[in-house]
Amino acid sequence: MRLERFAPDVLHNRERRHYLRRFNSDIYGWLAPLTGEIDDDHKSILDHMYNAEVYTQDEHVGRFFRTLRESGRLDKTMVIVAADHGDHLGEKQLVGHLFSVYNELVHVPLIIRDPQRDLPRGGTVDGFVSTRRIYQTVLTAAGMAKPAEERYTLAQSTAADPDGGVVFSEGVPPTNVVGMIQKRQPTLCQQRHCDQPRRAVWLGAHKLIQTGSEYLELYRVVDDPFEEHDLSRSAPTEVQQLRRHLTNLQQVPGGAPNAEQIEDVSDPALTRRLRDLGYIE
């Protein structure tokens, strides 16, 4: 990890090292919302450590690309760089990746290197894109997609977007973590709606977040990417339009799995890995 470049103060400052050790050993602190704003100095430590980790991962990716290039396989391989989620490092009084569908968590990288040139080289997309379409993109590139799957590939013009520019995200709180917070900090759990699912929808310039059945937040994310200005009361027309999309999504048969369904895992090895990660009890 490149601490000497991104976090030299952690290497040479005893108090900062002590804070980092205490922070890393507090597993519950990585799960529960904070009770107040994070100190600027502590925020700086977490940001610098995170940047050092990202740089380290980037070096590994670079070695991987060099190996592909030297072997002659790079120009025969579709490479997709993405992420399952980001992490909060104190923003909005949150740490980790629970209880949120804010941009810190769901605005992830998506880079595709396509040797077949179905995707234009050097091209970028300014609009919102759903990572769920990576699956159909890979199937199409491999010549294995059915017609219903092929229409969702990202290798087409934005005008052919089958979703019409609508993108969704959903976060379901793990029941075991909710139980811990309810036991230790019941008031905090209630205030931050820790036991409620979160759903978000993007369309045009706006993003609507619905927590539970009633709590709504609206952001003009093209101008407010850090989601600091809630417009839900001043822009009721946009709220109504976007909420209609969320209502339609919830009515889709089979919907997203809930926490109880996720816990029904028959593979012992998978069950053990999910438990180690804290997703099931």
C-alpha atoms as a PDB file:
ATOM      1  CA  MET A   1       0.000   0.000   0.000  1.00  0.00           C
ATOM      2  CA  ARG A   2       1.401   3.418  -1.003  1.00  0.00           C
ATOM      3  CA  LEU A   3       1.258   5.049   2.420  1.00  0.00           C
ATOM      4  CA  GLU A   4       4.381   7.109   1.828  1.00  0.00           C
ATOM      5  CA  ARG A   5       2.657   8.829  -1.109  1.00  0.00           C
ATOM      6  CA  PHE A   6      -0.962   9.118   0.031  1.00  0.00           C
ATOM      7  CA  ALA A   7      -0.836   8.903   3.836  1.00  0.00           C
ATOM      8  CA  PRO A   8       2.641   9.923   5.062  1.00  0.00           C
ATOM      9  CA  ASP A   9       1.063  11.605   8.087  1.00  0.00           C
ATOM     10  CA  VAL A  10      -0.232   8.207   9.236  1.00  0.00           C
ATOM     11  CA  LEU A  11       3.267   6.734   8.980  1.00  0.00           C
ATOM     12  CA  HIS A  12       4.881   9.499  11.020  1.00  0.00           C
ATOM     13  CA  ASN A  13       2.167  10.582  13.472  1.00  0.00           C
ATOM     14  CA  ARG A  14       1.536   8.376  16.515  1.00  0.00           C
ATOM     15  CA  GLU A  15      -1.892   9.864  17.296  1.00  0.00           C
ATOM     16  CA  ARG A  16      -3.109   9.225  13.765  1.00  0.00           C
ATOM     17  CA  ARG A  17      -1.832   5.651  13.826  1.00  0.00           C
ATOM     18  CA  HIS A  18      -3.592   5.131  17.144  1.00  0.00           C
ATOM     19  CA  TYR A  19      -6.875   6.440  15.701  1.00  0.00           C
ATOM     20  CA  LEU A  20      -6.539   4.183  12.658  1.00  0.00           C
ATOM     21  CA  ARG A  21      -5.855   1.088  14.770  1.00  0.00           C
ATOM     22  CA  ARG A  22      -8.840   1.871  16.993  1.00  0.00           C
ATOM     23  CA  PHE A  23     -11.033   2.520  13.952  1.00  0.00           C
ATOM     24  CA  ASN A  24     -10.027  -0.712  12.201  1.00  0.00           C
ATOM     25  CA  SER A  25     -10.622  -2.790  15.322  1.00  0.00           C
ATOM     26  CA  ASP A  26     -14.126  -1.400  15.891  1.00  0.00           C
ATOM     27  CA  ILE A  27     -16.222  -3.716  13.711  1.00  0.00           C
ATOM     28  CA  TYR A  28     -19.484  -2.276  15.013  1.00  0.00           C
ATOM     29  CA  GLY A  29     -18.246   1.184  14.029  1.00  0.00           C
ATOM     30  CA  TRP A  30     -18.054   0.019  10.422  1.00  0.00           C
ATOM     31  CA  LEU A  31     -21.718  -0.995  10.546  1.00  0.00           C
ATOM     32  CA  ALA A  32     -23.719   1.573  12.502  1.00  0.00           C
ATOM     33  CA  PRO A  33     -24.339   5.189  11.409  1.00  0.00           C
ATOM     34  CA  LEU A  34     -22.323   7.797  13.261  1.00  0.00           C
ATOM     35  CA  THR A  35     -24.032   9.846  15.947  1.00  0.00           C
ATOM     36  CA  GLY A  36     -22.437  13.092  14.726  1.00  0.00           C
ATOM     37  CA  GLU A  37     -20.281  14.611  12.003  1.00  0.00           C
ATOM     38  CA  ILE A  38     -16.856  13.041  11.581  1.00  0.00           C
ATOM     39  CA  ASP A  39     -13.885  15.151  12.683  1.00  0.00           C
ATOM     40  CA  ASP A  40     -12.059  16.769   9.726  1.00  0.00           C
ATOM     41  CA  ASP A  41      -8.731  15.281  10.805  1.00  0.00           C
ATOM     42  CA  HIS A  42     -10.172  11.776  11.118  1.00  0.00           C
ATOM     43  CA  LYS A  43     -11.936  12.157   7.778  1.00  0.00           C
ATOM     44  CA  SER A  44      -8.613  13.075   6.195  1.00  0.00           C
ATOM     45  CA  ILE A  45      -6.982   9.937   7.615  1.00  0.00           C
ATOM     46  CA  LEU A  46      -9.678   7.661   6.195  1.00  0.00           C
ATOM     47  CA  ASP A  47      -9.608   9.389   2.803  1.00  0.00           C
ATOM     48  CA  HIS A  48      -5.838   9.106   2.530  1.00  0.00           C
ATOM     49  CA  MET A  49      -5.832   5.438   3.520  1.00  0.00           C
ATOM     50  CA  TYR A  50      -8.605   4.706   1.037  1.00  0.00           C
ATOM     51  CA  ASN A  51      -6.662   6.465  -1.733  1.00  0.00           C
ATOM     52  CA  ALA A  52      -3.571   4.432  -0.889  1.00  0.00           C
ATOM     53  CA  GLU A  53      -5.586   1.216  -1.152  1.00  0.00           C
ATOM     54  CA  VAL A  54      -7.089   2.283  -4.495  1.00  0.00           C
ATOM     55  CA  TYR A  55      -3.614   3.079  -5.825  1.00  0.00           C
ATOM     56  CA  THR A  56      -2.392  -0.345  -4.743  1.00  0.00           C
ATOM     57  CA  GLN A  57      -5.285  -2.043  -6.521  1.00  0.00           C
ATOM     58  CA  ASP A  58      -4.561   0.073  -9.594  1.00  0.00           C
ATOM     59  CA  GLU A  59      -0.988  -1.223  -9.642  1.00  0.00           C
ATOM     60  CA  HIS A  60      -2.291  -4.810  -9.597  1.00  0.00           C
ATOM     61  CA  VAL A  61      -4.633  -4.020 -12.494  1.00  0.00           C
ATOM     62  CA  GLY A  62      -1.696  -2.526 -14.392  1.00  0.00           C
ATOM     63  CA  ARG A  63       0.330  -5.719 -13.958  1.00  0.00           C
ATOM     64  CA  PHE A  64      -2.669  -7.745 -15.132  1.00  0.00           C
ATOM     65  CA  PHE A  65      -2.940  -5.642 -18.312  1.00  0.00           C
ATOM     66  CA  ARG A  66       0.796  -5.941 -18.975  1.00  0.00           C
ATOM     67  CA  THR A  67       0.549  -9.732 -18.646  1.00  0.00           C
ATOM     68  CA  LEU A  68      -2.356  -9.820 -21.112  1.00  0.00           C
ATOM     69  CA  ARG A  69      -0.518  -7.574 -23.558  1.00  0.00           C
ATOM     70  CA  GLU A  70       2.758  -9.523 -23.369  1.00  0.00           C
ATOM     71  CA  SER A  71       0.913 -12.799 -23.909  1.00  0.00           C
ATOM     72  CA  GLY A  72      -0.845 -11.441 -26.990  1.00  0.00           C
ATOM     73  CA  ARG A  73      -4.285 -11.937 -25.440  1.00  0.00           C
ATOM     74  CA  LEU A  74      -5.215  -8.330 -24.698  1.00  0.00           C
ATOM     75  CA  ASP A  75      -6.610  -7.630 -28.166  1.00  0.00           C
ATOM     76  CA  LYS A  76      -8.637 -10.839 -27.991  1.00  0.00           C
ATOM     77  CA  THR A  77     -10.154 -10.143 -24.573  1.00  0.00           C
ATOM     78  CA  MET A  78     -13.055  -7.959 -23.515  1.00  0.00           C
ATOM     79  CA  VAL A  79     -12.082  -6.285 -20.236  1.00  0.00           C
ATOM     80  CA  ILE A  80     -14.693  -4.697 -17.974  1.00  0.00           C
ATOM     81  CA  VAL A  81     -13.677  -2.683 -14.929  1.00  0.00           C
ATOM     82  CA  ALA A  82     -16.525  -2.118 -12.478  1.00  0.00           C
ATOM     83  CA  ALA A  83     -17.329  -2.330  -8.775  1.00  0.00           C
ATOM     84  CA  ASP A  84     -20.133  -3.759  -6.690  1.00  0.00           C
ATOM     85  CA  HIS A  85     -20.276  -0.648  -4.500  1.00  0.00           C
ATOM     86  CA  GLY A  86     -18.259   2.140  -2.963  1.00  0.00           C
ATOM     87  CA  ASP A  87     -17.883   2.990   0.715  1.00  0.00           C
ATOM     88  CA  HIS A  88     -18.881   5.835   2.962  1.00  0.00           C
ATOM     89  CA  LEU A  89     -15.991   7.330   4.924  1.00  0.00           C
ATOM     90  CA  GLY A  90     -17.992   9.589   7.207  1.00  0.00           C
ATOM     91  CA  GLU A  91     -20.092  11.352   4.571  1.00  0.00           C
ATOM     92  CA  LYS A  92     -23.669  11.861   5.735  1.00  0.00           C
ATOM     93  CA  GLN A  93     -22.579  10.334   9.058  1.00  0.00           C
ATOM     94  CA  LEU A  94     -22.162   6.891   7.477  1.00  0.00           C
ATOM     95  CA  VAL A  95     -19.255   4.461   7.323  1.00  0.00           C
ATOM     96  CA  GLY A  96     -18.978   1.369   5.147  1.00  0.00           C
ATOM     97  CA  HIS A  97     -21.626   0.274   2.670  1.00  0.00           C
ATOM     98  CA  LEU A  98     -24.840  -0.274   4.577  1.00  0.00           C
ATOM     99  CA  PHE A  99     -27.985   1.872   4.893  1.00  0.00           C
ATOM    100  CA  SER A 100     -27.326   3.927   1.779  1.00  0.00           C
ATOM    101  CA  VAL A 101     -27.985   4.352  -1.915  1.00  0.00           C
ATOM    102  CA  TYR A 102     -26.199   7.705  -1.990  1.00  0.00           C
ATOM    103  CA  ASN A 103     -23.650   8.335  -4.738  1.00  0.00           C
ATOM    104  CA  GLU A 104     -20.707   7.526  -2.470  1.00  0.00           C
ATOM    105  CA  LEU A 105     -21.984   3.969  -2.555  1.00  0.00           C
ATOM    106  CA  VAL A 106     -23.641   3.433  -5.923  1.00  0.00           C
ATOM    107  CA  HIS A 107     -21.739   5.708  -8.347  1.00  0.00           C
ATOM    108  CA  VAL A 108     -19.095   3.160  -9.330  1.00  0.00           C
ATOM    109  CA  PRO A 109     -16.559   2.954 -12.190  1.00  0.00           C
ATOM    110  CA  LEU A 110     -17.564   1.285 -15.441  1.00  0.00           C
ATOM    111  CA  ILE A 111     -14.839   0.986 -18.084  1.00  0.00           C
ATOM    112  CA  ILE A 112     -15.080  -1.426 -21.010  1.00  0.00           C
ATOM    113  CA  ARG A 113     -12.239  -2.309 -23.389  1.00  0.00           C
ATOM    114  CA  ASP A 114     -13.830  -4.030 -26.363  1.00  0.00           C
ATOM    115  CA  PRO A 115     -11.472  -5.645 -28.910  1.00  0.00           C
ATOM    116  CA  GLN A 116     -14.362  -6.188 -31.333  1.00  0.00           C
ATOM    117  CA  ARG A 117     -15.008  -2.419 -31.448  1.00  0.00           C
ATOM    118  CA  ASP A 118     -18.750  -2.853 -30.903  1.00  0.00           C
ATOM    119  CA  LEU A 119     -18.215  -0.153 -28.305  1.00  0.00           C
ATOM    120  CA  PRO A 120     -16.536   2.924 -29.842  1.00  0.00           C
ATOM    121  CA  ARG A 121     -12.931   3.331 -28.770  1.00  0.00           C
ATOM    122  CA  GLY A 122     -12.424   6.293 -26.449  1.00  0.00           C
ATOM    123  CA  GLY A 123     -16.148   6.893 -26.194  1.00  0.00           C
ATOM    124  CA  THR A 124     -17.851   8.075 -23.031  1.00  0.00           C
ATOM    125  CA  VAL A 125     -21.476   8.124 -21.918  1.00  0.00           C
ATOM    126  CA  ASP A 126     -22.717  11.184 -20.057  1.00  0.00           C
ATOM    127  CA  GLY A 127     -26.019   9.671 -18.923  1.00  0.00           C
ATOM    128  CA  PHE A 128     -26.713   7.168 -16.153  1.00  0.00           C
ATOM    129  CA  VAL A 129     -25.944   3.510 -16.892  1.00  0.00           C
ATOM    130  CA  SER A 130     -27.009   0.428 -14.954  1.00  0.00           C
ATOM    131  CA  THR A 131     -24.305  -2.117 -14.139  1.00  0.00           C
ATOM    132  CA  ARG A 132     -26.944  -4.848 -14.321  1.00  0.00           C
ATOM    133  CA  ARG A 133     -26.517  -4.614 -18.102  1.00  0.00           C
ATOM    134  CA  ILE A 134     -22.928  -5.863 -17.892  1.00  0.00           C
ATOM    135  CA  TYR A 135     -24.300  -9.426 -17.946  1.00  0.00           C
ATOM    136  CA  GLN A 136     -26.105  -8.932 -21.270  1.00  0.00           C
ATOM    137  CA  THR A 137     -23.102  -7.066 -22.690  1.00  0.00           C
ATOM    138  CA  VAL A 138     -20.812 -10.021 -22.024  1.00  0.00           C
ATOM    139  CA  LEU A 139     -23.309 -12.550 -23.407  1.00  0.00           C
ATOM    140  CA  THR A 140     -23.701 -10.494 -26.586  1.00  0.00           C
ATOM    141  CA  ALA A 141     -19.931 -10.153 -27.058  1.00  0.00           C
ATOM    142  CA  ALA A 142     -19.578 -13.932 -26.676  1.00  0.00           C
ATOM    143  CA  GLY A 143     -22.353 -14.587 -29.192  1.00  0.00           C
ATOM    144  CA  MET A 144     -24.451 -16.324 -26.547  1.00  0.00           C
ATOM    145  CA  ALA A 145     -27.210 -13.766 -25.952  1.00  0.00           C
ATOM    146  CA  LYS A 146     -30.839 -14.463 -26.713  1.00  0.00           C
ATOM    147  CA  PRO A 147     -32.718 -11.650 -28.510  1.00  0.00           C
ATOM    148  CA  ALA A 148     -34.338 -10.493 -25.259  1.00  0.00           C
ATOM    149  CA  GLU A 149     -30.866 -10.305 -23.655  1.00  0.00           C
ATOM    150  CA  GLU A 150     -29.087  -8.749 -26.617  1.00  0.00           C
ATOM    151  CA  ARG A 151     -31.325  -5.677 -26.545  1.00  0.00           C
ATOM    152  CA  TYR A 152     -29.819  -4.786 -23.138  1.00  0.00           C
ATOM    153  CA  THR A 153     -26.178  -4.815 -24.234  1.00  0.00           C
ATOM    154  CA  LEU A 154     -24.318  -1.577 -23.594  1.00  0.00           C
ATOM    155  CA  ALA A 155     -22.757  -1.893 -27.074  1.00  0.00           C
ATOM    156  CA  GLN A 156     -25.393   0.238 -28.768  1.00  0.00           C
ATOM    157  CA  SER A 157     -26.291   3.885 -29.059  1.00  0.00           C
ATOM    158  CA  THR A 158     -27.803   5.627 -26.054  1.00  0.00           C
ATOM    159  CA  ALA A 159     -30.835   6.323 -28.221  1.00  0.00           C
ATOM    160  CA  ALA A 160     -31.487   2.565 -28.261  1.00  0.00           C
ATOM    161  CA  ASP A 161     -31.547   2.346 -24.450  1.00  0.00           C
ATOM    162  CA  PRO A 162     -34.356  -0.143 -23.640  1.00  0.00           C
ATOM    163  CA  ASP A 163     -34.725   1.429 -20.188  1.00  0.00           C
ATOM    164  CA  GLY A 164     -35.333   4.908 -21.576  1.00  0.00           C
ATOM    165  CA  GLY A 165     -32.651   6.414 -19.356  1.00  0.00           C
ATOM    166  CA  VAL A 166     -34.192   5.068 -16.135  1.00  0.00           C
ATOM    167  CA  VAL A 167     -31.732   3.452 -13.707  1.00  0.00           C
ATOM    168  CA  PHE A 168     -32.546   1.818 -10.369  1.00  0.00           C
ATOM    169  CA  SER A 169     -30.649   0.887  -7.223  1.00  0.00           C
ATOM    170  CA  GLU A 170     -31.762  -0.926  -4.085  1.00  0.00           C
ATOM    171  CA  GLY A 171     -30.285  -1.532  -0.651  1.00  0.00           C
ATOM    172  CA  VAL A 172     -31.753  -4.080   1.771  1.00  0.00           C
ATOM    173  CA  PRO A 173     -30.428  -3.821   5.366  1.00  0.00           C
ATOM    174  CA  PRO A 174     -28.950  -7.070   6.744  1.00  0.00           C
ATOM    175  CA  THR A 175     -31.191  -8.347   9.531  1.00  0.00           C
ATOM    176  CA  ASN A 176     -28.274  -9.307  11.786  1.00  0.00           C
ATOM    177  CA  VAL A 177     -26.764  -5.799  11.634  1.00  0.00           C
ATOM    178  CA  VAL A 178     -30.150  -4.171  12.201  1.00  0.00           C
ATOM    179  CA  GLY A 179     -30.599  -6.401  15.248  1.00  0.00           C
ATOM    180  CA  MET A 180     -27.266  -5.272  16.702  1.00  0.00           C
ATOM    181  CA  ILE A 181     -28.073  -1.587  16.237  1.00  0.00           C
ATOM    182  CA  GLN A 182     -31.573  -1.996  17.661  1.00  0.00           C
ATOM    183  CA  LYS A 183     -30.063  -3.607  20.744  1.00  0.00           C
ATOM    184  CA  ARG A 184     -27.228  -1.089  21.267  1.00  0.00           C
ATOM    185  CA  GLN A 185     -28.682   2.143  19.866  1.00  0.00           C
ATOM    186  CA  PRO A 186     -32.445   1.804  19.336  1.00  0.00           C
ATOM    187  CA  THR A 187     -33.016   5.558  19.002  1.00  0.00           C
ATOM    188  CA  LEU A 188     -30.315   5.869  16.346  1.00  0.00           C
ATOM    189  CA  CYS A 189     -31.784   2.895  14.501  1.00  0.00           C
ATOM    190  CA  GLN A 190     -35.176   4.578  14.391  1.00  0.00           C
ATOM    191  CA  GLN A 191     -33.866   8.029  13.485  1.00  0.00           C
ATOM    192  CA  ARG A 192     -31.754   6.750  10.588  1.00  0.00           C
ATOM    193  CA  HIS A 193     -34.362   4.221   9.362  1.00  0.00           C
ATOM    194  CA  CYS A 194     -31.822   1.410   9.653  1.00  0.00           C
ATOM    195  CA  ASP A 195     -34.489  -1.280   9.412  1.00  0.00           C
ATOM    196  CA  GLN A 196     -35.966   0.042   6.152  1.00  0.00           C
ATOM    197  CA  PRO A 197     -34.998  -0.839   2.557  1.00  0.00           C
ATOM    198  CA  ARG A 198     -33.794   1.957   0.318  1.00  0.00           C
ATOM    199  CA  ARG A 199     -34.585   2.343  -3.354  1.00  0.00           C
ATOM    200  CA  ALA A 200     -33.352   4.957  -5.781  1.00  0.00           C
ATOM    201  CA  VAL A 201     -34.249   5.905  -9.335  1.00  0.00           C
ATOM    202  CA  TRP A 202     -32.344   8.162 -11.744  1.00  0.00           C
ATOM    203  CA  LEU A 203     -33.925   9.897 -14.722  1.00  0.00           C
ATOM    204  CA  GLY A 204     -32.725  12.964 -16.568  1.00  0.00           C
ATOM    205  CA  ALA A 205     -31.033  15.342 -14.138  1.00  0.00           C
ATOM    206  CA  HIS A 206     -32.683  13.968 -10.983  1.00  0.00           C
ATOM    207  CA  LYS A 207     -32.420  11.124  -8.523  1.00  0.00           C
ATOM    208  CA  LEU A 208     -35.129  10.123  -6.063  1.00  0.00           C
ATOM    209  CA  ILE A 209     -34.389   8.059  -2.948  1.00  0.00           C
ATOM    210  CA  GLN A 210     -37.230   6.358  -1.095  1.00  0.00           C
ATOM    211  CA  THR A 211     -36.535   4.887   2.331  1.00  0.00           C
ATOM    212  CA  GLY A 212     -39.247   2.552   3.558  1.00  0.00           C
ATOM    213  CA  SER A 213     -42.649   3.473   2.177  1.00  0.00           C
ATOM    214  CA  GLU A 214     -42.730   7.212   2.837  1.00  0.00           C
ATOM    215  CA  TYR A 215     -39.389   8.978   3.456  1.00  0.00           C
ATOM    216  CA  LEU A 216     -38.295  10.701   0.226  1.00  0.00           C
ATOM    217  CA  GLU A 217     -35.214  12.645  -0.916  1.00  0.00           C
ATOM    218  CA  LEU A 218     -34.800  14.314  -4.319  1.00  0.00           C
ATOM    219  CA  TYR A 219     -31.496  15.560  -5.724  1.00  0.00           C
ATOM    220  CA  ARG A 220     -30.529  17.219  -8.973  1.00  0.00           C
ATOM    221  CA  VAL A 221     -27.448  15.037  -9.184  1.00  0.00           C
ATOM    222  CA  VAL A 222     -26.017  16.528 -12.375  1.00  0.00           C
ATOM    223  CA  ASP A 223     -25.398  19.757 -10.416  1.00  0.00           C
ATOM    224  CA  ASP A 224     -25.306  18.274  -6.895  1.00  0.00           C
ATOM    225  CA  PRO A 225     -23.309  15.012  -7.120  1.00  0.00           C
ATOM    226  CA  PHE A 226     -22.699  14.950  -3.354  1.00  0.00           C
ATOM    227  CA  GLU A 227     -26.459  15.121  -2.711  1.00  0.00           C
ATOM    228  CA  GLU A 228     -26.342  18.032  -0.311  1.00  0.00           C
ATOM    229  CA  HIS A 229     -29.581  19.812  -1.343  1.00  0.00           C
ATOM    230  CA  ASP A 230     -32.801  17.844  -0.899  1.00  0.00           C
ATOM    231  CA  LEU A 231     -35.414  19.195  -3.346  1.00  0.00           C
ATOM    232  CA  SER A 232     -38.250  16.840  -2.420  1.00  0.00           C
ATOM    233  CA  ARG A 233     -40.434  19.632  -1.023  1.00  0.00           C
ATOM    234  CA  SER A 234     -39.718  22.235  -3.675  1.00  0.00           C
ATOM    235  CA  ALA A 235     -40.059  19.966  -6.738  1.00  0.00           C
ATOM    236  CA  PRO A 236     -43.217  17.849  -6.204  1.00  0.00           C
ATOM    237  CA  THR A 237     -43.702  17.210  -9.946  1.00  0.00           C
ATOM    238  CA  GLU A 238     -40.293  15.517 -10.272  1.00  0.00           C
ATOM    239  CA  VAL A 239     -40.942  13.536  -7.085  1.00  0.00           C
ATOM    240  CA  GLN A 240     -44.267  12.267  -8.420  1.00  0.00           C
ATOM    241  CA  GLN A 241     -42.775  11.305 -11.781  1.00  0.00           C
ATOM    242  CA  LEU A 242     -39.828   9.411 -10.327  1.00  0.00           C
ATOM    243  CA  ARG A 243     -41.868   7.795  -7.575  1.00  0.00           C
ATOM    244  CA  ARG A 244     -44.136   6.333 -10.249  1.00  0.00           C
ATOM    245  CA  HIS A 245     -41.129   4.449 -11.638  1.00  0.00           C
ATOM    246  CA  LEU A 246     -40.320   3.048  -8.180  1.00  0.00           C
ATOM    247  CA  THR A 247     -43.930   1.947  -7.718  1.00  0.00           C
ATOM    248  CA  ASN A 248     -43.867   0.150 -11.073  1.00  0.00           C
ATOM    249  CA  LEU A 249     -40.577  -1.536 -10.133  1.00  0.00           C
ATOM    250  CA  GLN A 250     -42.004  -2.871  -6.866  1.00  0.00           C
ATOM    251  CA  GLN A 251     -44.926  -4.385  -8.757  1.00  0.00           C
ATOM    252  CA  VAL A 252     -42.674  -6.476 -11.015  1.00  0.00           C
ATOM    253  CA  PRO A 253     -43.309 -10.190 -10.240  1.00  0.00           C
ATOM    254  CA  GLY A 254     -40.456 -11.823  -8.408  1.00  0.00           C
ATOM    255  CA  GLY A 255     -38.910  -8.485  -7.311  1.00  0.00           C
ATOM    256  CA  ALA A 256     -35.635  -8.237  -5.461  1.00  0.00           C
ATOM    257  CA  PRO A 257     -34.829 -10.893  -2.837  1.00  0.00           C
ATOM    258  CA  ASN A 258     -35.356  -9.880   0.756  1.00  0.00           C
ATOM    259  CA  ALA A 259     -33.003 -10.621   3.625  1.00  0.00           C
ATOM    260  CA  GLU A 260     -34.827 -13.813   4.576  1.00  0.00           C
ATOM    261  CA  GLN A 261     -34.525 -15.172   1.024  1.00  0.00           C
ATOM    262  CA  ILE A 262     -30.825 -14.359   0.929  1.00  0.00           C
ATOM    263  CA  GLU A 263     -30.262 -16.385   4.082  1.00  0.00           C
ATOM    264  CA  ASP A 264     -31.696 -19.521   2.435  1.00  0.00           C
ATOM    265  CA  VAL A 265     -28.382 -20.841   1.078  1.00  0.00           C
ATOM    266  CA  SER A 266     -27.860 -24.586   0.658  1.00  0.00           C
ATOM    267  CA  ASP A 267     -24.133 -24.523  -0.234  1.00  0.00           C
ATOM    268  CA  PRO A 268     -22.156 -24.866   3.054  1.00  0.00           C
ATOM    269  CA  ALA A 269     -19.073 -23.131   1.624  1.00  0.00           C
ATOM    270  CA  LEU A 270     -21.128 -20.195   0.344  1.00  0.00           C
ATOM    271  CA  THR A 271     -22.984 -19.987   3.644  1.00  0.00           C
ATOM    272  CA  ARG A 272     -19.675 -19.829   5.531  1.00  0.00           C
ATOM    273  CA  ARG A 273     -18.335 -17.070   3.248  1.00  0.00           C
ATOM    274  CA  LEU A 274     -21.535 -15.012   3.572  1.00  0.00           C
ATOM    275  CA  ARG A 275     -21.399 -15.386   7.357  1.00  0.00           C
ATOM    276  CA  ASP A 276     -17.725 -14.321   7.428  1.00  0.00           C
ATOM    277  CA  LEU A 277     -18.657 -11.209   5.465  1.00  0.00           C
ATOM    278  CA  GLY A 278     -21.475 -10.406   7.896  1.00  0.00           C
ATOM    279  CA  TYR A 279     -24.324 -10.832   5.426  1.00  0.00           C
ATOM    280  CA  ILE A 280     -26.045 -13.611   7.376  1.00  0.00           C
ATOM    281  CA  GLU A 281     -26.018 -14.617  11.035  1.00  0.00           C
END
